[in-house]
Amino acid sequence: MLQTMAASPSMGQCDCGATAGPLGGCVDYYHAILAEEQADPQMYRWHTPVVCAYLLQHPSRAHEKYLDGQFRQLQLYMDKGIDALLRVAAHQVARNKHGARSSYDMAPFAEYAPLPQSGSPGPFRATFCGLPFRDGSFVSDGHLAYGRRIEIIAEATVESWRTLQT
């Protein structure tokens, strides 16, 4: 089960509000995921949702100008799934190889809500500190289970940011 947020801030909490897990804070989980996915192409399928969710849960570690695009990417992922997100990423890579002038084609994300400008949300009902890490891996119980856990974190991230829209 993914770790849920504590009701009040205390020592040992990540800047997103999560209590540190066995590997440490969310940043430790994030770096461990990035390292493991480099050797595992199946795990790497979830790279974009991992990066977007991590940075949206920890906006002080992100470049503000990219957060809107990352929020929209997570919404596309939640709406259409990992395969659709991977197709958009492949389109972006192909487009850039052909010398497109603008750096990123935002057309695939036009239907999604922009990032609220009223601050950073919290708490998140699911965080990186809650990911199980067994036998030296995040995918010890399979890639689909790992993907589902990343989806839960992505859902929690979008859900919290959307609370700022009301």
N, C-alpha and C. Protein backbone atom coordinates (compact mmCIF):
# COMPACT_ATOMS: atom_id res chain seq x y z
N MET A 1 0.85 -1.18 0.00
CA MET A 1 0.00 0.00 0.00
C MET A 1 0.89 1.24 0.00
N LEU A 2 0.48 2.24 -0.76
CA LEU A 2 1.23 3.48 -0.79
C LEU A 2 1.02 4.24 0.51
N GLN A 3 2.07 4.87 0.95
CA GLN A 3 2.01 5.65 2.19
C GLN A 3 1.09 6.84 2.00
N THR A 4 0.28 7.13 2.98
CA THR A 4 -0.59 8.30 2.93
C THR A 4 -0.02 9.39 3.81
N MET A 5 -0.53 10.57 3.65
CA MET A 5 -0.02 11.74 4.36
C MET A 5 -0.38 11.72 5.84
N ALA A 6 0.52 12.21 6.65
CA ALA A 6 0.24 12.41 8.06
C ALA A 6 -0.64 13.65 8.20
N ALA A 7 -1.39 13.71 9.27
CA ALA A 7 -2.32 14.82 9.47
C ALA A 7 -1.62 16.13 9.79
N SER A 8 -0.46 16.08 10.41
CA SER A 8 0.24 17.32 10.74
C SER A 8 1.72 17.19 10.43
N PRO A 9 2.35 18.29 10.02
CA PRO A 9 3.78 18.24 9.73
C PRO A 9 4.60 17.93 10.98
N SER A 10 5.66 17.19 10.78
CA SER A 10 6.57 16.89 11.88
C SER A 10 7.95 16.60 11.32
N MET A 11 8.88 16.36 12.21
CA MET A 11 10.24 16.04 11.80
C MET A 11 10.22 14.80 10.92
N GLY A 12 11.15 14.71 9.98
CA GLY A 12 11.26 13.55 9.11
C GLY A 12 10.29 13.57 7.94
N GLN A 13 9.69 14.73 7.67
CA GLN A 13 8.78 14.81 6.54
C GLN A 13 9.44 15.49 5.36
N CYS A 14 9.07 15.03 4.20
CA CYS A 14 9.52 15.58 2.93
C CYS A 14 8.84 16.93 2.72
N ASP A 15 9.36 17.75 1.81
CA ASP A 15 8.72 19.04 1.56
C ASP A 15 7.31 18.90 0.97
N CYS A 16 6.95 17.72 0.47
CA CYS A 16 5.57 17.49 0.01
C CYS A 16 4.67 17.09 1.17
N GLY A 17 5.27 16.85 2.33
CA GLY A 17 4.50 16.48 3.51
C GLY A 17 4.57 15.02 3.87
N ALA A 18 5.14 14.19 3.01
CA ALA A 18 5.22 12.75 3.27
C ALA A 18 6.26 12.45 4.33
N THR A 19 5.99 11.46 5.13
CA THR A 19 6.96 10.96 6.10
C THR A 19 7.98 10.10 5.35
N ALA A 20 9.24 10.26 5.69
CA ALA A 20 10.29 9.49 5.03
C ALA A 20 10.03 8.00 5.16
N GLY A 21 10.36 7.28 4.10
CA GLY A 21 10.23 5.82 4.08
C GLY A 21 11.58 5.17 4.34
N PRO A 22 11.66 3.87 4.17
CA PRO A 22 12.91 3.14 4.42
C PRO A 22 14.11 3.64 3.61
N LEU A 23 13.87 4.18 2.40
CA LEU A 23 14.97 4.68 1.58
C LEU A 23 15.31 6.14 1.88
N GLY A 24 14.46 6.81 2.66
CA GLY A 24 14.65 8.22 2.97
C GLY A 24 13.48 9.04 2.49
N GLY A 25 13.75 10.28 2.05
CA GLY A 25 12.70 11.16 1.55
C GLY A 25 12.37 10.87 0.10
N CYS A 26 11.39 11.57 -0.42
CA CYS A 26 10.97 11.36 -1.81
C CYS A 26 12.13 11.51 -2.79
N VAL A 27 13.04 12.45 -2.53
CA VAL A 27 14.17 12.65 -3.43
C VAL A 27 15.02 11.38 -3.52
N ASP A 28 15.15 10.65 -2.42
CA ASP A 28 15.92 9.40 -2.43
C ASP A 28 15.20 8.34 -3.27
N TYR A 29 13.88 8.29 -3.14
CA TYR A 29 13.09 7.36 -3.96
C TYR A 29 13.18 7.73 -5.43
N TYR A 30 13.06 9.01 -5.71
CA TYR A 30 13.13 9.51 -7.08
C TYR A 30 14.46 9.13 -7.73
N HIS A 31 15.55 9.39 -7.06
CA HIS A 31 16.86 9.05 -7.62
C HIS A 31 17.03 7.54 -7.79
N ALA A 32 16.52 6.77 -6.84
CA ALA A 32 16.60 5.30 -6.95
C ALA A 32 15.78 4.80 -8.14
N ILE A 33 14.60 5.38 -8.35
CA ILE A 33 13.77 5.01 -9.51
C ILE A 33 14.50 5.34 -10.80
N LEU A 34 15.04 6.56 -10.90
CA LEU A 34 15.75 6.96 -12.11
C LEU A 34 16.93 6.03 -12.40
N ALA A 35 17.64 5.63 -11.38
CA ALA A 35 18.77 4.72 -11.57
C ALA A 35 18.30 3.35 -12.02
N GLU A 36 17.26 2.82 -11.38
CA GLU A 36 16.79 1.48 -11.74
C GLU A 36 16.19 1.45 -13.14
N GLU A 37 15.47 2.47 -13.52
CA GLU A 37 14.80 2.43 -14.82
C GLU A 37 15.80 2.51 -15.98
N GLN A 38 17.01 2.99 -15.73
CA GLN A 38 18.02 3.04 -16.78
C GLN A 38 18.39 1.65 -17.28
N ALA A 39 18.27 0.66 -16.42
CA ALA A 39 18.61 -0.72 -16.80
C ALA A 39 17.38 -1.56 -17.11
N ASP A 40 16.21 -0.96 -17.10
CA ASP A 40 14.97 -1.72 -17.25
C ASP A 40 14.02 -0.99 -18.19
N PRO A 41 14.05 -1.34 -19.49
CA PRO A 41 13.20 -0.65 -20.47
C PRO A 41 11.70 -0.73 -20.16
N GLN A 42 11.25 -1.79 -19.55
CA GLN A 42 9.83 -1.89 -19.19
C GLN A 42 9.49 -0.88 -18.10
N MET A 43 10.35 -0.75 -17.14
CA MET A 43 10.14 0.21 -16.06
C MET A 43 10.22 1.64 -16.60
N TYR A 44 11.09 1.85 -17.57
CA TYR A 44 11.30 3.18 -18.13
C TYR A 44 10.05 3.73 -18.81
N ARG A 45 9.11 2.87 -19.18
CA ARG A 45 7.85 3.32 -19.79
C ARG A 45 7.17 4.38 -18.94
N TRP A 46 7.36 4.32 -17.62
CA TRP A 46 6.70 5.25 -16.70
C TRP A 46 7.60 6.43 -16.32
N HIS A 47 8.68 6.64 -17.06
CA HIS A 47 9.61 7.72 -16.74
C HIS A 47 8.92 9.09 -16.71
N THR A 48 8.17 9.42 -17.73
CA THR A 48 7.53 10.74 -17.79
C THR A 48 6.56 10.97 -16.64
N PRO A 49 5.64 10.02 -16.34
CA PRO A 49 4.78 10.27 -15.18
C PRO A 49 5.55 10.36 -13.87
N VAL A 50 6.63 9.62 -13.74
CA VAL A 50 7.46 9.70 -12.53
C VAL A 50 8.03 11.12 -12.39
N VAL A 51 8.65 11.61 -13.44
CA VAL A 51 9.27 12.94 -13.39
C VAL A 51 8.22 14.01 -13.16
N CYS A 52 7.12 13.96 -13.91
CA CYS A 52 6.08 14.99 -13.77
C CYS A 52 5.48 14.98 -12.37
N ALA A 53 5.14 13.81 -11.87
CA ALA A 53 4.52 13.73 -10.53
C ALA A 53 5.51 14.18 -9.46
N TYR A 54 6.75 13.74 -9.56
CA TYR A 54 7.74 14.15 -8.56
C TYR A 54 7.88 15.68 -8.53
N LEU A 55 8.06 16.29 -9.69
CA LEU A 55 8.27 17.73 -9.73
C LEU A 55 7.03 18.51 -9.32
N LEU A 56 5.86 18.00 -9.64
CA LEU A 56 4.63 18.68 -9.22
C LEU A 56 4.37 18.51 -7.73
N GLN A 57 4.85 17.42 -7.15
CA GLN A 57 4.73 17.26 -5.70
C GLN A 57 5.83 18.02 -4.96
N HIS A 58 6.89 18.38 -5.66
CA HIS A 58 8.03 19.08 -5.08
C HIS A 58 8.40 20.26 -5.98
N PRO A 59 7.49 21.22 -6.16
CA PRO A 59 7.73 22.30 -7.13
C PRO A 59 8.96 23.16 -6.83
N SER A 60 9.44 23.15 -5.60
CA SER A 60 10.65 23.92 -5.30
C SER A 60 11.87 23.31 -5.98
N ARG A 61 11.77 22.07 -6.44
CA ARG A 61 12.88 21.40 -7.13
C ARG A 61 12.73 21.48 -8.65
N ALA A 62 11.67 22.15 -9.11
CA ALA A 62 11.36 22.19 -10.54
C ALA A 62 11.63 23.58 -11.12
N HIS A 63 11.65 23.64 -12.43
CA HIS A 63 11.67 24.93 -13.13
C HIS A 63 10.21 25.32 -13.33
N GLU A 64 9.83 26.44 -12.77
CA GLU A 64 8.44 26.88 -12.77
C GLU A 64 7.84 26.92 -14.18
N LYS A 65 8.64 27.32 -15.17
CA LYS A 65 8.10 27.47 -16.52
C LYS A 65 7.67 26.13 -17.14
N TYR A 66 8.12 25.01 -16.59
CA TYR A 66 7.76 23.70 -17.14
C TYR A 66 6.61 23.02 -16.40
N LEU A 67 6.24 23.52 -15.24
CA LEU A 67 5.23 22.85 -14.42
C LEU A 67 3.87 22.75 -15.10
N ASP A 68 3.47 23.77 -15.85
CA ASP A 68 2.19 23.71 -16.55
C ASP A 68 2.18 22.54 -17.54
N GLY A 69 3.21 22.41 -18.33
CA GLY A 69 3.30 21.30 -19.28
C GLY A 69 3.32 19.95 -18.58
N GLN A 70 4.00 19.87 -17.46
CA GLN A 70 4.05 18.62 -16.71
C GLN A 70 2.68 18.28 -16.12
N PHE A 71 1.96 19.29 -15.67
CA PHE A 71 0.60 19.07 -15.16
C PHE A 71 -0.31 18.57 -16.28
N ARG A 72 -0.19 19.14 -17.45
CA ARG A 72 -1.00 18.72 -18.59
C ARG A 72 -0.62 17.31 -19.04
N GLN A 73 0.67 16.98 -19.00
CA GLN A 73 1.09 15.63 -19.36
C GLN A 73 0.48 14.60 -18.41
N LEU A 74 0.47 14.90 -17.12
CA LEU A 74 -0.16 13.97 -16.17
C LEU A 74 -1.65 13.82 -16.43
N GLN A 75 -2.30 14.91 -16.81
CA GLN A 75 -3.73 14.82 -17.11
C GLN A 75 -3.97 13.94 -18.34
N LEU A 76 -3.14 14.09 -19.37
CA LEU A 76 -3.25 13.24 -20.55
C LEU A 76 -3.05 11.78 -20.16
N TYR A 77 -2.05 11.53 -19.33
CA TYR A 77 -1.76 10.17 -18.85
C TYR A 77 -2.97 9.61 -18.11
N MET A 78 -3.57 10.40 -17.24
CA MET A 78 -4.73 9.93 -16.48
C MET A 78 -5.93 9.68 -17.40
N ASP A 79 -6.06 10.51 -18.42
CA ASP A 79 -7.20 10.43 -19.34
C ASP A 79 -7.06 9.30 -20.36
N LYS A 80 -5.86 9.15 -20.93
CA LYS A 80 -5.70 8.24 -22.07
C LYS A 80 -4.70 7.11 -21.86
N GLY A 81 -3.96 7.13 -20.75
CA GLY A 81 -3.07 6.02 -20.43
C GLY A 81 -1.64 6.20 -20.89
N ILE A 82 -0.82 5.25 -20.46
CA ILE A 82 0.62 5.32 -20.72
C ILE A 82 0.95 5.23 -22.21
N ASP A 83 0.23 4.40 -22.96
CA ASP A 83 0.54 4.28 -24.39
C ASP A 83 0.32 5.59 -25.13
N ALA A 84 -0.75 6.31 -24.80
CA ALA A 84 -1.01 7.61 -25.42
C ALA A 84 0.09 8.61 -25.07
N LEU A 85 0.51 8.60 -23.81
CA LEU A 85 1.58 9.50 -23.39
C LEU A 85 2.88 9.17 -24.12
N LEU A 86 3.17 7.91 -24.30
CA LEU A 86 4.38 7.50 -25.03
C LEU A 86 4.31 7.91 -26.50
N ARG A 87 3.11 7.83 -27.10
CA ARG A 87 2.95 8.28 -28.50
C ARG A 87 3.21 9.78 -28.63
N VAL A 88 2.72 10.55 -27.67
CA VAL A 88 2.97 12.00 -27.70
C VAL A 88 4.46 12.28 -27.54
N ALA A 89 5.11 11.56 -26.65
CA ALA A 89 6.56 11.74 -26.47
C ALA A 89 7.31 11.39 -27.75
N ALA A 90 6.94 10.30 -28.41
CA ALA A 90 7.59 9.91 -29.66
C ALA A 90 7.37 10.98 -30.73
N HIS A 91 6.17 11.54 -30.76
CA HIS A 91 5.87 12.63 -31.70
C HIS A 91 6.79 13.82 -31.44
N GLN A 92 6.99 14.17 -30.18
CA GLN A 92 7.84 15.31 -29.83
C GLN A 92 9.28 15.07 -30.27
N VAL A 93 9.78 13.85 -30.04
CA VAL A 93 11.15 13.52 -30.43
C VAL A 93 11.30 13.61 -31.95
N ALA A 94 10.35 13.00 -32.67
CA ALA A 94 10.41 13.03 -34.14
C ALA A 94 10.32 14.46 -34.66
N ARG A 95 9.47 15.24 -34.07
CA ARG A 95 9.29 16.64 -34.46
C ARG A 95 10.58 17.42 -34.26
N ASN A 96 11.23 17.22 -33.13
CA ASN A 96 12.48 17.93 -32.85
C ASN A 96 13.61 17.49 -33.78
N LYS A 97 13.59 16.23 -34.19
CA LYS A 97 14.62 15.74 -35.13
C LYS A 97 14.48 16.39 -36.49
N HIS A 98 13.26 16.85 -36.81
CA HIS A 98 13.02 17.46 -38.11
C HIS A 98 13.17 18.98 -38.08
N GLY A 99 13.77 19.49 -37.02
CA GLY A 99 14.12 20.90 -36.95
C GLY A 99 12.98 21.85 -36.67
N ALA A 100 12.01 21.42 -35.91
CA ALA A 100 10.91 22.32 -35.55
C ALA A 100 11.46 23.52 -34.77
N ARG A 101 10.94 24.68 -35.06
CA ARG A 101 11.45 25.89 -34.41
C ARG A 101 11.08 25.98 -32.94
N SER A 102 9.83 25.74 -32.61
CA SER A 102 9.47 25.80 -31.19
C SER A 102 9.90 24.51 -30.52
N SER A 103 10.20 24.59 -29.25
CA SER A 103 10.78 23.45 -28.56
C SER A 103 9.79 22.35 -28.25
N TYR A 104 8.49 22.69 -28.12
CA TYR A 104 7.54 21.68 -27.70
C TYR A 104 6.19 21.95 -28.32
N ASP A 105 5.56 20.93 -28.84
CA ASP A 105 4.23 21.05 -29.44
C ASP A 105 3.19 20.84 -28.34
N MET A 106 2.52 21.91 -27.95
CA MET A 106 1.53 21.83 -26.87
C MET A 106 0.14 21.42 -27.36
N ALA A 107 -0.05 21.26 -28.67
CA ALA A 107 -1.37 20.91 -29.21
C ALA A 107 -1.98 19.66 -28.56
N PRO A 108 -1.20 18.59 -28.31
CA PRO A 108 -1.81 17.40 -27.68
C PRO A 108 -2.35 17.65 -26.27
N PHE A 109 -1.96 18.76 -25.67
CA PHE A 109 -2.35 19.06 -24.28
C PHE A 109 -3.37 20.20 -24.17
N ALA A 110 -3.81 20.72 -25.31
CA ALA A 110 -4.69 21.89 -25.32
C ALA A 110 -6.00 21.67 -24.57
N GLU A 111 -6.50 20.46 -24.58
CA GLU A 111 -7.80 20.20 -23.93
C GLU A 111 -7.70 20.08 -22.40
N TYR A 112 -6.49 20.08 -21.87
CA TYR A 112 -6.31 19.88 -20.44
C TYR A 112 -6.15 21.20 -19.69
N ALA A 113 -6.61 21.20 -18.46
CA ALA A 113 -6.58 22.40 -17.63
C ALA A 113 -5.15 22.86 -17.38
N PRO A 114 -4.93 24.17 -17.39
CA PRO A 114 -3.60 24.69 -17.05
C PRO A 114 -3.33 24.52 -15.56
N LEU A 115 -2.08 24.61 -15.21
CA LEU A 115 -1.68 24.54 -13.82
C LEU A 115 -2.24 25.73 -13.05
N PRO A 116 -2.92 25.49 -11.94
CA PRO A 116 -3.42 26.61 -11.14
C PRO A 116 -2.25 27.48 -10.67
N GLN A 117 -2.47 28.77 -10.64
CA GLN A 117 -1.42 29.72 -10.27
C GLN A 117 -1.49 30.17 -8.82
N SER A 118 -2.30 29.51 -8.02
CA SER A 118 -2.51 29.98 -6.65
C SER A 118 -1.64 29.28 -5.61
N GLY A 119 -0.48 28.80 -5.98
CA GLY A 119 0.41 28.19 -5.00
C GLY A 119 0.54 26.70 -5.17
N SER A 120 1.17 26.08 -4.23
CA SER A 120 1.43 24.64 -4.27
C SER A 120 0.43 23.90 -3.38
N PRO A 121 -0.13 22.81 -3.87
CA PRO A 121 -1.11 22.08 -3.06
C PRO A 121 -0.46 21.13 -2.07
N GLY A 122 -1.27 20.52 -1.34
CA GLY A 122 -0.85 19.50 -0.42
C GLY A 122 -1.99 19.31 0.55
N PRO A 123 -2.07 18.29 1.22
CA PRO A 123 -1.19 17.13 1.08
C PRO A 123 -1.58 16.26 -0.12
N PHE A 124 -0.69 15.34 -0.44
CA PHE A 124 -0.93 14.37 -1.49
C PHE A 124 -1.28 13.05 -0.82
N ARG A 125 -2.31 12.40 -1.30
CA ARG A 125 -2.74 11.15 -0.66
C ARG A 125 -1.80 9.98 -0.98
N ALA A 126 -0.96 10.12 -1.98
CA ALA A 126 0.04 9.10 -2.31
C ALA A 126 1.33 9.80 -2.72
N THR A 127 2.45 9.31 -2.22
CA THR A 127 3.74 9.93 -2.47
C THR A 127 4.80 8.88 -2.81
N PHE A 128 5.95 9.34 -3.23
CA PHE A 128 7.04 8.43 -3.58
C PHE A 128 7.58 7.69 -2.36
N CYS A 129 7.55 8.32 -1.20
CA CYS A 129 8.04 7.67 0.02
C CYS A 129 7.24 6.41 0.36
N GLY A 130 6.07 6.28 -0.20
CA GLY A 130 5.23 5.12 0.07
C GLY A 130 5.43 3.96 -0.89
N LEU A 131 6.30 4.11 -1.87
CA LEU A 131 6.53 3.02 -2.82
C LEU A 131 7.26 1.86 -2.16
N PRO A 132 6.78 0.65 -2.38
CA PRO A 132 7.51 -0.50 -1.84
C PRO A 132 8.81 -0.73 -2.61
N PHE A 133 9.85 -1.06 -1.87
CA PHE A 133 11.16 -1.36 -2.43
C PHE A 133 11.59 -2.69 -1.82
N ARG A 134 11.49 -3.75 -2.62
CA ARG A 134 11.80 -5.10 -2.13
C ARG A 134 12.86 -5.76 -3.00
N ASP A 135 13.71 -6.52 -2.38
CA ASP A 135 14.75 -7.24 -3.12
C ASP A 135 15.56 -6.31 -4.01
N GLY A 136 15.78 -5.06 -3.53
CA GLY A 136 16.57 -4.10 -4.28
C GLY A 136 15.88 -3.53 -5.50
N SER A 137 14.54 -3.58 -5.55
CA SER A 137 13.84 -3.15 -6.76
C SER A 137 12.46 -2.57 -6.44
N PHE A 138 12.03 -1.69 -7.32
CA PHE A 138 10.66 -1.16 -7.25
C PHE A 138 9.69 -2.03 -8.04
N VAL A 139 10.22 -2.97 -8.83
CA VAL A 139 9.37 -3.80 -9.68
C VAL A 139 9.44 -5.28 -9.29
N SER A 140 9.75 -5.55 -8.04
CA SER A 140 9.91 -6.95 -7.61
C SER A 140 8.61 -7.74 -7.76
N ASP A 141 7.47 -7.07 -7.76
CA ASP A 141 6.20 -7.77 -7.95
C ASP A 141 5.63 -7.55 -9.35
N GLY A 142 6.46 -7.08 -10.25
CA GLY A 142 6.06 -6.95 -11.66
C GLY A 142 5.91 -5.50 -12.11
N HIS A 143 6.07 -5.33 -13.41
CA HIS A 143 6.01 -4.00 -13.99
C HIS A 143 4.60 -3.41 -13.97
N LEU A 144 3.59 -4.22 -14.16
CA LEU A 144 2.23 -3.70 -14.14
C LEU A 144 1.85 -3.20 -12.75
N ALA A 145 2.29 -3.90 -11.72
CA ALA A 145 2.03 -3.45 -10.34
C ALA A 145 2.76 -2.13 -10.08
N TYR A 146 3.99 -2.04 -10.54
CA TYR A 146 4.75 -0.79 -10.41
C TYR A 146 4.03 0.34 -11.16
N GLY A 147 3.62 0.07 -12.39
CA GLY A 147 2.91 1.06 -13.19
C GLY A 147 1.64 1.52 -12.51
N ARG A 148 0.93 0.62 -11.87
CA ARG A 148 -0.30 1.00 -11.16
C ARG A 148 0.03 1.91 -9.98
N ARG A 149 1.13 1.64 -9.28
CA ARG A 149 1.51 2.50 -8.16
C ARG A 149 1.89 3.90 -8.64
N ILE A 150 2.58 3.98 -9.78
CA ILE A 150 2.92 5.29 -10.35
C ILE A 150 1.64 6.01 -10.78
N GLU A 151 0.69 5.26 -11.32
CA GLU A 151 -0.60 5.85 -11.70
C GLU A 151 -1.32 6.43 -10.47
N ILE A 152 -1.27 5.73 -9.36
CA ILE A 152 -1.90 6.23 -8.12
C ILE A 152 -1.23 7.52 -7.66
N ILE A 153 0.09 7.59 -7.76
CA ILE A 153 0.80 8.82 -7.39
C ILE A 153 0.42 9.95 -8.35
N ALA A 154 0.35 9.63 -9.64
CA ALA A 154 -0.04 10.64 -10.64
C ALA A 154 -1.46 11.14 -10.36
N GLU A 155 -2.38 10.23 -10.08
CA GLU A 155 -3.76 10.61 -9.76
C GLU A 155 -3.80 11.54 -8.54
N ALA A 156 -3.06 11.17 -7.51
CA ALA A 156 -3.03 11.97 -6.28
C ALA A 156 -2.45 13.36 -6.55
N THR A 157 -1.48 13.43 -7.43
CA THR A 157 -0.84 14.70 -7.76
C THR A 157 -1.82 15.62 -8.49
N VAL A 158 -2.45 15.08 -9.52
CA VAL A 158 -3.43 15.87 -10.29
C VAL A 158 -4.59 16.28 -9.38
N GLU A 159 -5.07 15.35 -8.60
CA GLU A 159 -6.18 15.61 -7.68
C GLU A 159 -5.87 16.78 -6.74
N SER A 160 -4.68 16.78 -6.14
CA SER A 160 -4.31 17.86 -5.22
C SER A 160 -4.18 19.19 -5.92
N TRP A 161 -3.57 19.20 -7.09
CA TRP A 161 -3.44 20.46 -7.84
C TRP A 161 -4.81 20.98 -8.25
N ARG A 162 -5.72 20.10 -8.60
CA ARG A 162 -7.07 20.52 -9.01
C ARG A 162 -7.83 21.17 -7.87
N THR A 163 -7.49 20.86 -6.64
CA THR A 163 -8.18 21.52 -5.51
C THR A 163 -7.92 23.01 -5.50
N LEU A 164 -6.85 23.45 -6.13
CA LEU A 164 -6.53 24.88 -6.19
C LEU A 164 -7.34 25.60 -7.25
N GLN A 165 -8.01 24.85 -8.12
CA GLN A 165 -8.78 25.46 -9.20
C GLN A 165 -10.15 25.92 -8.73
N THR A 166 -10.60 25.43 -7.61
CA THR A 166 -11.96 25.77 -7.16
C THR A 166 -12.00 27.02 -6.32
